[in-house]
Amino acid sequence: MEEIKTTELNSDIIEKIKKEVPDMIREFMEKDLVKMILYGSCARGDFKDYSDVDIALLMKGSRMDSWVYNDKIDEVATKLALKYFAIVNFVLLPYQEFEEKKGWYGYFKNIEKEGIKLYG
């Protein structure tokens, strides 16, 4: 049986994703995208070869407004997975809510503290 070859996540792949993602997302989200932040193990530098890549997309509007982008974001995640064999998780967050809660809400606090700004 033939062995399936995969690519392990490494800093070169993370750098390529960091460079490509902003343009890919801005292509369809330009008017609503406020900020894009890489967070989690890839931002901290303690990722493993099996880690995923976490990216927060802070947008204008409410959580109810985010559904219109779900399919396009899934397409971007799929393209990146096929190209780099990496799982990229996008989370859409209302910018105003993030700003209001980042001082006390643990999840937002971590994004703010450890995050690397990719756009905005």
N, C-alpha and C. Protein backbone atom coordinates (compact mmCIF):
# COMPACT_ATOMS: atom_id res chain seq x y z
N MET A 1 0.83 -1.18 0.00
CA MET A 1 0.00 0.00 0.00
C MET A 1 0.89 1.25 0.00
N GLU A 2 0.52 2.21 -0.81
CA GLU A 2 1.29 3.44 -0.94
C GLU A 2 1.04 4.36 0.25
N GLU A 3 2.11 4.94 0.77
CA GLU A 3 1.99 5.84 1.91
C GLU A 3 1.51 7.22 1.44
N ILE A 4 0.58 7.79 2.17
CA ILE A 4 0.10 9.13 1.87
C ILE A 4 1.07 10.12 2.49
N LYS A 5 1.54 11.06 1.69
CA LYS A 5 2.49 12.05 2.19
C LYS A 5 1.72 13.28 2.65
N THR A 6 2.09 13.77 3.80
CA THR A 6 1.50 14.99 4.33
C THR A 6 2.62 15.94 4.71
N THR A 7 2.27 17.18 4.85
CA THR A 7 3.22 18.19 5.27
C THR A 7 2.94 18.52 6.72
N GLU A 8 3.96 18.53 7.54
CA GLU A 8 3.79 18.91 8.93
C GLU A 8 3.86 20.43 9.02
N LEU A 9 3.06 20.98 9.92
CA LEU A 9 3.05 22.42 10.11
C LEU A 9 4.42 22.87 10.60
N ASN A 10 4.93 23.92 9.99
CA ASN A 10 6.22 24.48 10.41
C ASN A 10 6.18 25.99 10.23
N SER A 11 7.21 26.67 10.68
CA SER A 11 7.21 28.14 10.64
C SER A 11 7.17 28.69 9.22
N ASP A 12 7.73 27.99 8.24
CA ASP A 12 7.65 28.45 6.85
C ASP A 12 6.21 28.45 6.35
N ILE A 13 5.48 27.40 6.66
CA ILE A 13 4.07 27.32 6.24
C ILE A 13 3.26 28.40 6.94
N ILE A 14 3.50 28.61 8.22
CA ILE A 14 2.78 29.65 8.95
C ILE A 14 3.05 31.02 8.33
N GLU A 15 4.28 31.29 7.98
CA GLU A 15 4.62 32.58 7.35
C GLU A 15 3.91 32.75 6.00
N LYS A 16 3.85 31.69 5.22
CA LYS A 16 3.15 31.75 3.93
C LYS A 16 1.67 32.02 4.14
N ILE A 17 1.07 31.34 5.10
CA ILE A 17 -0.35 31.55 5.40
C ILE A 17 -0.57 32.98 5.87
N LYS A 18 0.30 33.49 6.74
CA LYS A 18 0.18 34.87 7.22
C LYS A 18 0.22 35.88 6.08
N LYS A 19 1.00 35.60 5.06
CA LYS A 19 1.11 36.51 3.92
C LYS A 19 -0.07 36.39 2.96
N GLU A 20 -0.58 35.19 2.78
CA GLU A 20 -1.64 34.96 1.79
C GLU A 20 -3.04 35.29 2.28
N VAL A 21 -3.31 34.98 3.53
CA VAL A 21 -4.67 35.09 4.04
C VAL A 21 -5.26 36.50 3.95
N PRO A 22 -4.54 37.55 4.33
CA PRO A 22 -5.17 38.87 4.26
C PRO A 22 -5.76 39.21 2.89
N ASP A 23 -5.04 38.97 1.83
CA ASP A 23 -5.57 39.27 0.49
C ASP A 23 -6.74 38.36 0.14
N MET A 24 -6.66 37.09 0.52
CA MET A 24 -7.73 36.15 0.21
C MET A 24 -9.04 36.57 0.89
N ILE A 25 -8.95 37.02 2.14
CA ILE A 25 -10.15 37.42 2.89
C ILE A 25 -10.64 38.80 2.44
N ARG A 26 -9.72 39.72 2.25
CA ARG A 26 -10.12 41.08 1.85
C ARG A 26 -10.80 41.09 0.49
N GLU A 27 -10.52 40.11 -0.33
CA GLU A 27 -11.13 40.03 -1.66
C GLU A 27 -12.66 40.07 -1.59
N PHE A 28 -13.24 39.48 -0.56
CA PHE A 28 -14.71 39.46 -0.45
C PHE A 28 -15.24 40.14 0.82
N MET A 29 -14.35 40.52 1.73
CA MET A 29 -14.80 41.11 3.00
C MET A 29 -14.34 42.54 3.21
N GLU A 30 -13.75 43.12 2.21
CA GLU A 30 -13.09 44.43 2.33
C GLU A 30 -13.92 45.47 3.09
N LYS A 31 -15.19 45.59 2.75
CA LYS A 31 -16.00 46.67 3.34
C LYS A 31 -16.35 46.43 4.81
N ASP A 32 -16.33 45.19 5.26
CA ASP A 32 -16.71 44.88 6.64
C ASP A 32 -15.55 44.47 7.54
N LEU A 33 -14.41 44.13 6.97
CA LEU A 33 -13.27 43.66 7.76
C LEU A 33 -12.57 44.84 8.43
N VAL A 34 -12.42 44.77 9.74
CA VAL A 34 -11.73 45.82 10.49
C VAL A 34 -10.31 45.37 10.85
N LYS A 35 -10.18 44.13 11.30
CA LYS A 35 -8.89 43.63 11.77
C LYS A 35 -8.83 42.12 11.59
N MET A 36 -7.62 41.62 11.37
CA MET A 36 -7.39 40.18 11.24
C MET A 36 -6.21 39.84 12.16
N ILE A 37 -6.41 38.85 13.05
CA ILE A 37 -5.40 38.54 14.05
C ILE A 37 -5.11 37.04 14.09
N LEU A 38 -3.85 36.68 13.94
CA LEU A 38 -3.40 35.31 14.16
C LEU A 38 -3.22 35.15 15.66
N TYR A 39 -3.78 34.09 16.23
CA TYR A 39 -3.64 33.87 17.67
C TYR A 39 -3.42 32.39 17.95
N GLY A 40 -3.29 32.03 19.20
CA GLY A 40 -3.08 30.64 19.56
C GLY A 40 -1.62 30.23 19.45
N SER A 41 -1.40 28.93 19.34
CA SER A 41 -0.03 28.39 19.37
C SER A 41 0.84 28.92 18.23
N CYS A 42 0.25 29.19 17.07
CA CYS A 42 1.06 29.71 15.95
C CYS A 42 1.53 31.13 16.21
N ALA A 43 0.75 31.91 16.94
CA ALA A 43 1.17 33.27 17.29
C ALA A 43 2.20 33.24 18.42
N ARG A 44 2.01 32.33 19.36
CA ARG A 44 2.93 32.23 20.50
C ARG A 44 4.26 31.58 20.12
N GLY A 45 4.23 30.78 19.04
CA GLY A 45 5.44 30.08 18.62
C GLY A 45 5.63 28.72 19.27
N ASP A 46 4.61 28.24 19.98
CA ASP A 46 4.74 26.93 20.62
C ASP A 46 3.88 25.86 19.93
N PHE A 47 3.67 26.04 18.63
CA PHE A 47 2.86 25.10 17.86
C PHE A 47 3.58 23.77 17.68
N LYS A 48 2.80 22.75 17.42
CA LYS A 48 3.32 21.40 17.11
C LYS A 48 3.08 21.15 15.63
N ASP A 49 3.65 20.08 15.10
CA ASP A 49 3.48 19.80 13.67
C ASP A 49 2.04 19.47 13.31
N TYR A 50 1.21 19.16 14.30
CA TYR A 50 -0.19 18.83 14.06
C TYR A 50 -1.14 19.95 14.50
N SER A 51 -0.60 21.10 14.90
CA SER A 51 -1.43 22.22 15.35
C SER A 51 -2.25 22.80 14.21
N ASP A 52 -3.33 23.47 14.58
CA ASP A 52 -4.09 24.21 13.60
C ASP A 52 -3.68 25.68 13.67
N VAL A 53 -4.13 26.44 12.70
CA VAL A 53 -3.81 27.86 12.61
C VAL A 53 -5.10 28.63 12.91
N ASP A 54 -5.08 29.45 13.97
CA ASP A 54 -6.27 30.18 14.40
C ASP A 54 -6.18 31.64 13.98
N ILE A 55 -7.23 32.10 13.29
CA ILE A 55 -7.26 33.49 12.83
C ILE A 55 -8.62 34.10 13.16
N ALA A 56 -8.59 35.22 13.87
CA ALA A 56 -9.80 35.96 14.20
C ALA A 56 -10.02 37.04 13.15
N LEU A 57 -11.24 37.11 12.65
CA LEU A 57 -11.63 38.15 11.70
C LEU A 57 -12.59 39.08 12.44
N LEU A 58 -12.15 40.29 12.73
CA LEU A 58 -12.98 41.25 13.43
C LEU A 58 -13.68 42.11 12.39
N MET A 59 -15.01 42.13 12.48
CA MET A 59 -15.78 42.77 11.42
C MET A 59 -16.77 43.79 11.98
N LYS A 60 -17.18 44.69 11.10
CA LYS A 60 -18.24 45.63 11.43
C LYS A 60 -19.54 44.85 11.57
N GLY A 61 -20.46 45.38 12.34
CA GLY A 61 -21.76 44.74 12.46
C GLY A 61 -21.83 43.76 13.62
N SER A 62 -22.88 42.95 13.59
CA SER A 62 -23.16 42.01 14.68
C SER A 62 -22.86 40.58 14.26
N ARG A 63 -23.00 39.66 15.20
CA ARG A 63 -22.83 38.24 14.89
C ARG A 63 -23.83 37.79 13.82
N MET A 64 -25.00 38.38 13.83
CA MET A 64 -26.03 38.03 12.84
C MET A 64 -25.61 38.41 11.42
N ASP A 65 -24.74 39.40 11.30
CA ASP A 65 -24.28 39.84 9.98
C ASP A 65 -23.20 38.94 9.38
N SER A 66 -22.60 38.10 10.21
CA SER A 66 -21.44 37.32 9.77
C SER A 66 -21.79 36.15 8.86
N TRP A 67 -23.00 35.66 8.90
CA TRP A 67 -23.37 34.45 8.14
C TRP A 67 -23.14 34.61 6.65
N VAL A 68 -23.24 35.81 6.13
CA VAL A 68 -23.09 36.01 4.68
C VAL A 68 -21.68 35.65 4.19
N TYR A 69 -20.72 35.58 5.11
CA TYR A 69 -19.34 35.27 4.73
C TYR A 69 -18.94 33.82 4.95
N ASN A 70 -19.79 33.04 5.58
CA ASN A 70 -19.42 31.67 5.96
C ASN A 70 -18.92 30.82 4.79
N ASP A 71 -19.64 30.81 3.68
CA ASP A 71 -19.25 29.97 2.55
C ASP A 71 -17.90 30.38 1.97
N LYS A 72 -17.69 31.67 1.82
CA LYS A 72 -16.42 32.16 1.27
C LYS A 72 -15.25 31.86 2.21
N ILE A 73 -15.48 32.00 3.50
CA ILE A 73 -14.43 31.70 4.47
C ILE A 73 -14.11 30.21 4.45
N ASP A 74 -15.13 29.38 4.32
CA ASP A 74 -14.90 27.93 4.19
C ASP A 74 -14.07 27.61 2.95
N GLU A 75 -14.34 28.33 1.86
CA GLU A 75 -13.56 28.13 0.63
C GLU A 75 -12.08 28.46 0.84
N VAL A 76 -11.82 29.56 1.54
CA VAL A 76 -10.44 29.95 1.82
C VAL A 76 -9.76 28.89 2.68
N ALA A 77 -10.45 28.43 3.71
CA ALA A 77 -9.88 27.39 4.59
C ALA A 77 -9.58 26.12 3.81
N THR A 78 -10.46 25.76 2.89
CA THR A 78 -10.26 24.56 2.08
C THR A 78 -9.07 24.72 1.15
N LYS A 79 -8.97 25.88 0.49
CA LYS A 79 -7.82 26.13 -0.39
C LYS A 79 -6.50 26.03 0.36
N LEU A 80 -6.46 26.60 1.56
CA LEU A 80 -5.24 26.55 2.36
C LEU A 80 -4.93 25.13 2.82
N ALA A 81 -5.96 24.38 3.16
CA ALA A 81 -5.77 22.99 3.59
C ALA A 81 -5.19 22.15 2.46
N LEU A 82 -5.71 22.36 1.26
CA LEU A 82 -5.22 21.59 0.11
C LEU A 82 -3.81 22.00 -0.29
N LYS A 83 -3.51 23.27 -0.14
CA LYS A 83 -2.19 23.77 -0.54
C LYS A 83 -1.10 23.43 0.48
N TYR A 84 -1.42 23.58 1.77
CA TYR A 84 -0.40 23.43 2.81
C TYR A 84 -0.63 22.25 3.75
N PHE A 85 -1.70 21.51 3.56
CA PHE A 85 -2.05 20.42 4.48
C PHE A 85 -2.13 20.94 5.91
N ALA A 86 -2.69 22.13 6.07
CA ALA A 86 -2.83 22.76 7.38
C ALA A 86 -4.29 23.10 7.61
N ILE A 87 -4.73 22.92 8.84
CA ILE A 87 -6.10 23.29 9.20
C ILE A 87 -6.07 24.74 9.67
N VAL A 88 -6.82 25.58 8.98
CA VAL A 88 -6.92 26.99 9.36
C VAL A 88 -8.34 27.22 9.85
N ASN A 89 -8.44 27.65 11.10
CA ASN A 89 -9.74 27.95 11.72
C ASN A 89 -9.93 29.45 11.74
N PHE A 90 -11.01 29.89 11.12
CA PHE A 90 -11.37 31.30 11.16
C PHE A 90 -12.53 31.48 12.13
N VAL A 91 -12.47 32.53 12.91
CA VAL A 91 -13.59 32.88 13.76
C VAL A 91 -13.96 34.33 13.44
N LEU A 92 -15.24 34.54 13.13
CA LEU A 92 -15.75 35.88 12.84
C LEU A 92 -16.29 36.49 14.12
N LEU A 93 -15.78 37.66 14.47
CA LEU A 93 -16.21 38.33 15.69
C LEU A 93 -16.58 39.77 15.39
N PRO A 94 -17.65 40.27 16.00
CA PRO A 94 -17.97 41.68 15.85
C PRO A 94 -16.88 42.53 16.51
N TYR A 95 -16.35 43.47 15.78
CA TYR A 95 -15.26 44.31 16.29
C TYR A 95 -15.66 45.05 17.56
N GLN A 96 -16.87 45.62 17.57
CA GLN A 96 -17.33 46.39 18.72
C GLN A 96 -17.40 45.50 19.97
N GLU A 97 -17.94 44.29 19.81
CA GLU A 97 -18.03 43.36 20.94
C GLU A 97 -16.63 42.98 21.44
N PHE A 98 -15.72 42.73 20.51
CA PHE A 98 -14.34 42.40 20.88
C PHE A 98 -13.72 43.53 21.69
N GLU A 99 -13.87 44.75 21.22
CA GLU A 99 -13.28 45.91 21.90
C GLU A 99 -13.87 46.07 23.31
N GLU A 100 -15.17 45.83 23.45
CA GLU A 100 -15.83 45.99 24.74
C GLU A 100 -15.42 44.91 25.74
N LYS A 101 -15.14 43.70 25.27
CA LYS A 101 -14.92 42.57 26.17
C LYS A 101 -13.46 42.11 26.29
N LYS A 102 -12.56 42.64 25.49
CA LYS A 102 -11.19 42.13 25.48
C LYS A 102 -10.45 42.33 26.80
N GLY A 103 -10.91 43.22 27.63
CA GLY A 103 -10.27 43.47 28.92
C GLY A 103 -10.63 42.46 29.99
N TRP A 104 -11.76 41.75 29.81
CA TRP A 104 -12.18 40.83 30.86
C TRP A 104 -12.60 39.44 30.38
N TYR A 105 -13.01 39.29 29.14
CA TYR A 105 -13.45 37.99 28.64
C TYR A 105 -12.24 37.19 28.19
N GLY A 106 -12.00 36.03 28.83
CA GLY A 106 -10.78 35.26 28.64
C GLY A 106 -10.37 35.00 27.20
N TYR A 107 -11.32 34.56 26.38
CA TYR A 107 -11.03 34.24 24.98
C TYR A 107 -10.54 35.47 24.23
N PHE A 108 -11.26 36.58 24.37
CA PHE A 108 -10.87 37.82 23.70
C PHE A 108 -9.57 38.37 24.29
N LYS A 109 -9.40 38.21 25.59
CA LYS A 109 -8.18 38.66 26.26
C LYS A 109 -6.95 37.96 25.67
N ASN A 110 -7.08 36.65 25.45
CA ASN A 110 -5.97 35.88 24.87
C ASN A 110 -5.66 36.33 23.45
N ILE A 111 -6.69 36.57 22.66
CA ILE A 111 -6.48 37.04 21.29
C ILE A 111 -5.73 38.38 21.31
N GLU A 112 -6.16 39.27 22.19
CA GLU A 112 -5.54 40.59 22.30
C GLU A 112 -4.09 40.48 22.79
N LYS A 113 -3.85 39.63 23.77
CA LYS A 113 -2.53 39.51 24.41
C LYS A 113 -1.51 38.83 23.51
N GLU A 114 -1.88 37.70 22.92
CA GLU A 114 -0.90 36.91 22.18
C GLU A 114 -0.97 37.09 20.67
N GLY A 115 -1.99 37.80 20.21
CA GLY A 115 -2.25 37.89 18.78
C GLY A 115 -1.22 38.66 17.98
N ILE A 116 -1.12 38.28 16.71
CA ILE A 116 -0.27 38.97 15.74
C ILE A 116 -1.20 39.55 14.67
N LYS A 117 -1.18 40.86 14.55
CA LYS A 117 -2.07 41.52 13.59
C LYS A 117 -1.62 41.23 12.16
N LEU A 118 -2.55 40.73 11.37
CA LEU A 118 -2.28 40.46 9.96
C LEU A 118 -2.86 41.54 9.06
N TYR A 119 -3.87 42.24 9.59
CA TYR A 119 -4.53 43.30 8.82
C TYR A 119 -5.24 44.22 9.80
N GLY A 120 -5.29 45.51 9.46
CA GLY A 120 -6.09 46.47 10.21
C GLY A 120 -5.32 47.27 11.23
